Amino acid sequence: MSTLTRSLNGSREMIKTYCRRVEIPVLGEVAVPPPDKLTYYAGLGVLAALQVIEWPLALVITAGHLLADQHYSGLVKGVGEALEAA
């Protein structure tokens, strides 16, 4: 198997992992993160619900992780490079 073929197979597996979709009657098709990410977000929700952490902090942490997980977006990379240059 060539290096290119292995690379394409690995990319295909990564796309399958990050592109799970669920059909919800009212909302339509919704992208669902991998199970490990769902448990992380659920844990943050439980901590916020039990008032172990404040809900704005849980939202900021969740937003940060969502931005960090955007593997296919060059926007985040560009913002990071701009902040490093500043």
C-alpha atoms as a PDB file:
ATOM      1  CA  MET A   1       0.000   0.000   0.000  1.00  0.00           C
ATOM      2  CA  SER A   2       1.469   3.339  -0.976  1.00  0.00           C
ATOM      3  CA  THR A   3       1.924   6.270   1.359  1.00  0.00           C
ATOM      4  CA  LEU A   4      -0.722   8.250  -0.537  1.00  0.00           C
ATOM      5  CA  THR A   5      -3.248   5.431  -0.181  1.00  0.00           C
ATOM      6  CA  ARG A   6      -2.562   5.143   3.565  1.00  0.00           C
ATOM      7  CA  SER A   7      -2.921   8.905   3.919  1.00  0.00           C
ATOM      8  CA  LEU A   8      -6.229   8.928   2.053  1.00  0.00           C
ATOM      9  CA  ASN A   9      -7.558   6.016   4.118  1.00  0.00           C
ATOM     10  CA  GLY A  10      -6.572   7.806   7.336  1.00  0.00           C
ATOM     11  CA  SER A  11      -8.258  10.993   6.138  1.00  0.00           C
ATOM     12  CA  ARG A  12     -11.380   9.070   5.247  1.00  0.00           C
ATOM     13  CA  GLU A  13     -11.514   7.549   8.745  1.00  0.00           C
ATOM     14  CA  MET A  14     -11.048  10.995  10.340  1.00  0.00           C
ATOM     15  CA  ILE A  15     -13.881  12.416   8.234  1.00  0.00           C
ATOM     16  CA  LYS A  16     -16.148   9.523   9.285  1.00  0.00           C
ATOM     17  CA  THR A  17     -15.288  10.176  12.930  1.00  0.00           C
ATOM     18  CA  TYR A  18     -16.077  13.893  12.808  1.00  0.00           C
ATOM     19  CA  CYS A  19     -19.041  13.797  10.408  1.00  0.00           C
ATOM     20  CA  ARG A  20     -21.670  11.724  12.188  1.00  0.00           C
ATOM     21  CA  ARG A  21     -25.106  13.085  11.488  1.00  0.00           C
ATOM     22  CA  VAL A  22     -28.459  12.449  13.146  1.00  0.00           C
ATOM     23  CA  GLU A  23     -31.869  13.218  11.702  1.00  0.00           C
ATOM     24  CA  ILE A  24     -33.977  15.172  14.223  1.00  0.00           C
ATOM     25  CA  PRO A  25     -37.641  15.646  13.205  1.00  0.00           C
ATOM     26  CA  VAL A  26     -37.932  19.374  13.935  1.00  0.00           C
ATOM     27  CA  LEU A  27     -34.344  20.474  13.289  1.00  0.00           C
ATOM     28  CA  GLY A  28     -33.446  18.236  10.342  1.00  0.00           C
ATOM     29  CA  GLU A  29     -29.976  16.727   9.957  1.00  0.00           C
ATOM     30  CA  VAL A  30     -27.590  17.674  12.784  1.00  0.00           C
ATOM     31  CA  ALA A  31     -23.849  16.924  13.029  1.00  0.00           C
ATOM     32  CA  VAL A  32     -22.904  15.025  16.188  1.00  0.00           C
ATOM     33  CA  PRO A  33     -19.415  15.099  17.697  1.00  0.00           C
ATOM     34  CA  PRO A  34     -17.606  11.848  18.565  1.00  0.00           C
ATOM     35  CA  PRO A  35     -18.703  10.061  21.779  1.00  0.00           C
ATOM     36  CA  ASP A  36     -15.662  11.170  23.794  1.00  0.00           C
ATOM     37  CA  LYS A  37     -16.443  14.811  23.017  1.00  0.00           C
ATOM     38  CA  LEU A  38     -20.107  14.309  23.902  1.00  0.00           C
ATOM     39  CA  THR A  39     -19.180  12.940  27.322  1.00  0.00           C
ATOM     40  CA  TYR A  40     -16.834  15.892  27.875  1.00  0.00           C
ATOM     41  CA  TYR A  41     -19.573  18.404  27.014  1.00  0.00           C
ATOM     42  CA  ALA A  42     -22.093  16.484  29.135  1.00  0.00           C
ATOM     43  CA  GLY A  43     -19.654  16.577  32.055  1.00  0.00           C
ATOM     44  CA  LEU A  44     -19.323  20.342  31.719  1.00  0.00           C
ATOM     45  CA  GLY A  45     -23.114  20.592  31.632  1.00  0.00           C
ATOM     46  CA  VAL A  46     -23.451  18.509  34.782  1.00  0.00           C
ATOM     47  CA  LEU A  47     -20.809  20.602  36.587  1.00  0.00           C
ATOM     48  CA  ALA A  48     -22.650  23.778  35.580  1.00  0.00           C
ATOM     49  CA  ALA A  49     -26.031  22.326  36.586  1.00  0.00           C
ATOM     50  CA  LEU A  50     -24.670  21.324  40.006  1.00  0.00           C
ATOM     51  CA  GLN A  51     -23.138  24.808  40.307  1.00  0.00           C
ATOM     52  CA  VAL A  52     -19.628  23.426  40.750  1.00  0.00           C
ATOM     53  CA  ILE A  53     -18.606  25.871  38.008  1.00  0.00           C
ATOM     54  CA  GLU A  54     -20.519  28.904  36.804  1.00  0.00           C
ATOM     55  CA  TRP A  55     -22.444  28.490  33.540  1.00  0.00           C
ATOM     56  CA  PRO A  56     -20.599  31.330  31.728  1.00  0.00           C
ATOM     57  CA  LEU A  57     -17.320  29.536  32.459  1.00  0.00           C
ATOM     58  CA  ALA A  58     -18.765  26.287  31.079  1.00  0.00           C
ATOM     59  CA  LEU A  59     -19.815  28.143  27.913  1.00  0.00           C
ATOM     60  CA  VAL A  60     -16.358  29.692  27.475  1.00  0.00           C
ATOM     61  CA  ILE A  61     -14.648  26.322  27.958  1.00  0.00           C
ATOM     62  CA  THR A  62     -17.029  24.663  25.495  1.00  0.00           C
ATOM     63  CA  ALA A  63     -16.531  27.408  22.910  1.00  0.00           C
ATOM     64  CA  GLY A  64     -12.766  27.102  23.269  1.00  0.00           C
ATOM     65  CA  HIS A  65     -12.880  23.359  22.710  1.00  0.00           C
ATOM     66  CA  LEU A  66     -15.179  23.710  19.723  1.00  0.00           C
ATOM     67  CA  LEU A  67     -12.807  26.208  18.142  1.00  0.00           C
ATOM     68  CA  ALA A  68      -9.806  23.997  18.882  1.00  0.00           C
ATOM     69  CA  ASP A  69     -11.546  20.982  17.327  1.00  0.00           C
ATOM     70  CA  GLN A  70     -12.174  22.626  13.971  1.00  0.00           C
ATOM     71  CA  HIS A  71      -9.593  20.630  12.058  1.00  0.00           C
ATOM     72  CA  TYR A  72     -10.892  21.666   8.665  1.00  0.00           C
ATOM     73  CA  SER A  73     -11.100  25.416   9.187  1.00  0.00           C
ATOM     74  CA  GLY A  74      -8.200  27.660   8.265  1.00  0.00           C
ATOM     75  CA  LEU A  75      -9.853  30.578  10.043  1.00  0.00           C
ATOM     76  CA  VAL A  76      -8.767  29.472  13.504  1.00  0.00           C
ATOM     77  CA  LYS A  77      -5.245  28.869  12.260  1.00  0.00           C
ATOM     78  CA  GLY A  78      -5.183  32.348  10.698  1.00  0.00           C
ATOM     79  CA  VAL A  79      -6.386  33.990  13.896  1.00  0.00           C
ATOM     80  CA  GLY A  80      -3.735  32.128  15.880  1.00  0.00           C
ATOM     81  CA  GLU A  81      -1.003  33.234  13.480  1.00  0.00           C
ATOM     82  CA  ALA A  82      -2.245  36.831  13.672  1.00  0.00           C
ATOM     83  CA  LEU A  83      -2.188  36.744  17.472  1.00  0.00           C
ATOM     84  CA  GLU A  84       1.341  35.319  17.444  1.00  0.00           C
ATOM     85  CA  ALA A  85       2.480  38.074  15.107  1.00  0.00           C
ATOM     86  CA  ALA A  86       0.929  40.793  17.292  1.00  0.00           C
END
